[in-house]
Amino acid sequence: MSIKPLQDWVVVDQDEAEESYSGGIIIPDSAKEAPHQGKVIAIGEGKFVSEEQSKGRGRKKEKDAEKKFVKTTLKPGDHILYEQYAVREIEVDGERTVLVREEDVLGLLV
């Protein structure tokens, strides 16, 4: 089974943690920090935002505020850098999968 993300969610194949040695001591897997970069596997089409949100005026909600569809800019195959605490980890078919919102992506690695 594969995942088709909705809205602006990005499915990321997280890069492997590098073997680190500090002063000749091997750091165990449980103490390694997860990398904050990976390859985009799939991405949703975009999401609706109110005019205030798209102009950067905060998250005010008005009953009659117009909604605007904002398409995602990332595409599968992009190598990205994302915020450390922005990930959602889920398990699909016994494999760990990482989901990140496009707004939490810091940049593309080229």
Protein backbone atom coordinates (compact mmCIF):
# COMPACT_ATOMS: atom_id res chain seq x y z
CA MET A 1 0.00 0.00 0.00
CA SER A 2 1.24 3.51 -0.77
CA ILE A 3 0.24 6.88 0.65
CA LYS A 4 -1.36 9.68 -1.36
CA PRO A 5 -0.99 12.79 0.81
CA LEU A 6 -3.75 15.39 1.00
CA GLN A 7 -3.55 19.20 1.11
CA ASP A 8 0.07 20.35 1.49
CA TRP A 9 1.44 17.24 3.21
CA VAL A 10 4.72 15.81 1.88
CA VAL A 11 5.75 12.14 2.14
CA VAL A 12 9.53 12.11 2.74
CA ASP A 13 12.06 9.30 2.44
CA GLN A 14 14.24 10.42 5.35
CA ASP A 15 18.01 10.19 4.85
CA GLU A 16 19.83 7.65 7.01
CA ALA A 17 21.60 8.85 10.15
CA GLU A 18 25.36 8.89 9.70
CA GLU A 19 27.64 6.84 11.92
CA SER A 20 29.12 9.30 14.38
CA TYR A 21 32.14 8.81 16.56
CA SER A 22 32.88 11.17 19.40
CA GLY A 23 36.26 10.69 21.04
CA GLY A 24 36.46 7.08 19.88
CA ILE A 25 33.04 6.17 21.32
CA ILE A 26 30.46 4.63 19.02
CA ILE A 27 27.11 6.34 19.46
CA PRO A 28 24.26 3.78 19.68
CA ASP A 29 21.31 3.94 17.27
CA SER A 30 18.94 5.06 20.03
CA ALA A 31 21.07 8.17 20.73
CA LYS A 32 21.52 9.23 17.10
CA GLU A 33 19.62 12.30 16.07
CA ALA A 34 17.38 11.83 13.04
CA PRO A 35 18.45 13.82 9.99
CA HIS A 36 16.32 16.74 8.92
CA GLN A 37 16.57 16.11 5.22
CA GLY A 38 15.23 13.65 2.73
CA LYS A 39 13.75 12.99 -0.68
CA VAL A 40 10.15 13.88 -1.57
CA ILE A 41 8.23 10.71 -2.46
CA ALA A 42 4.74 12.22 -2.90
CA ILE A 43 2.99 15.52 -2.22
CA GLY A 44 -0.59 16.73 -2.03
CA GLU A 45 -2.05 19.18 -4.53
CA GLY A 46 -2.30 22.20 -2.20
CA LYS A 47 -4.68 23.75 0.27
CA PHE A 48 -7.24 26.51 0.65
CA VAL A 49 -6.28 29.54 2.72
CA SER A 50 -8.23 32.68 3.53
CA GLU A 51 -7.07 35.97 2.05
CA GLU A 52 -5.69 37.11 5.44
CA GLN A 53 -3.56 33.97 5.77
CA SER A 54 -2.16 34.30 2.26
CA LYS A 55 -1.17 37.93 2.98
CA GLY A 56 0.59 36.94 6.21
CA ARG A 57 -1.74 38.65 8.67
CA GLY A 58 -2.10 35.72 11.03
CA ARG A 59 -4.79 33.12 11.38
CA LYS A 60 -7.87 35.31 11.71
CA LYS A 61 -11.04 33.58 10.61
CA GLU A 62 -13.97 35.52 9.31
CA LYS A 63 -17.24 33.98 8.22
CA ASP A 64 -17.24 35.77 4.86
CA ALA A 65 -13.49 35.59 4.18
CA GLU A 66 -12.69 34.44 0.66
CA LYS A 67 -10.70 31.26 0.28
CA LYS A 68 -7.88 30.93 -2.23
CA PHE A 69 -6.31 27.65 -3.41
CA VAL A 70 -2.51 27.63 -3.05
CA LYS A 71 -0.78 24.91 -5.10
CA THR A 72 2.25 23.12 -3.71
CA THR A 73 5.64 23.95 -5.23
CA LEU A 74 7.58 20.81 -4.34
CA LYS A 75 7.60 17.77 -6.59
CA PRO A 76 8.57 14.12 -6.17
CA GLY A 77 12.34 13.65 -6.37
CA ASP A 78 13.21 16.98 -4.71
CA HIS A 79 15.79 16.73 -1.90
CA ILE A 80 14.60 18.92 0.98
CA LEU A 81 15.67 20.27 4.35
CA TYR A 82 12.88 20.54 6.95
CA GLU A 83 12.34 21.62 10.55
CA GLN A 84 13.39 19.16 13.24
CA TYR A 85 10.14 18.98 15.19
CA ALA A 86 7.76 19.32 12.24
CA VAL A 87 7.60 15.64 11.27
CA ARG A 88 4.79 13.16 11.78
CA GLU A 89 5.97 9.57 11.78
CA ILE A 90 3.59 6.79 10.85
CA GLU A 91 4.02 3.12 10.04
CA VAL A 92 2.69 1.71 6.76
CA ASP A 93 3.18 -1.96 5.90
CA GLY A 94 5.85 -2.28 8.59
CA GLU A 95 7.92 0.66 7.24
CA ARG A 96 8.39 3.98 9.01
CA THR A 97 7.11 6.87 6.90
CA VAL A 98 7.70 10.57 7.54
CA LEU A 99 5.12 13.27 6.75
CA VAL A 100 5.87 17.01 6.78
CA ARG A 101 3.77 20.02 5.81
CA GLU A 102 5.14 22.01 2.89
CA GLU A 103 5.20 25.16 5.06
CA ASP A 104 7.71 23.39 7.37
CA VAL A 105 10.17 22.76 4.54
CA LEU A 106 13.12 25.13 4.90
CA GLY A 107 14.60 24.70 1.45
CA LEU A 108 15.74 22.53 -1.42
CA LEU A 109 19.16 20.87 -1.37
CA VAL A 110 20.90 21.14 -4.74
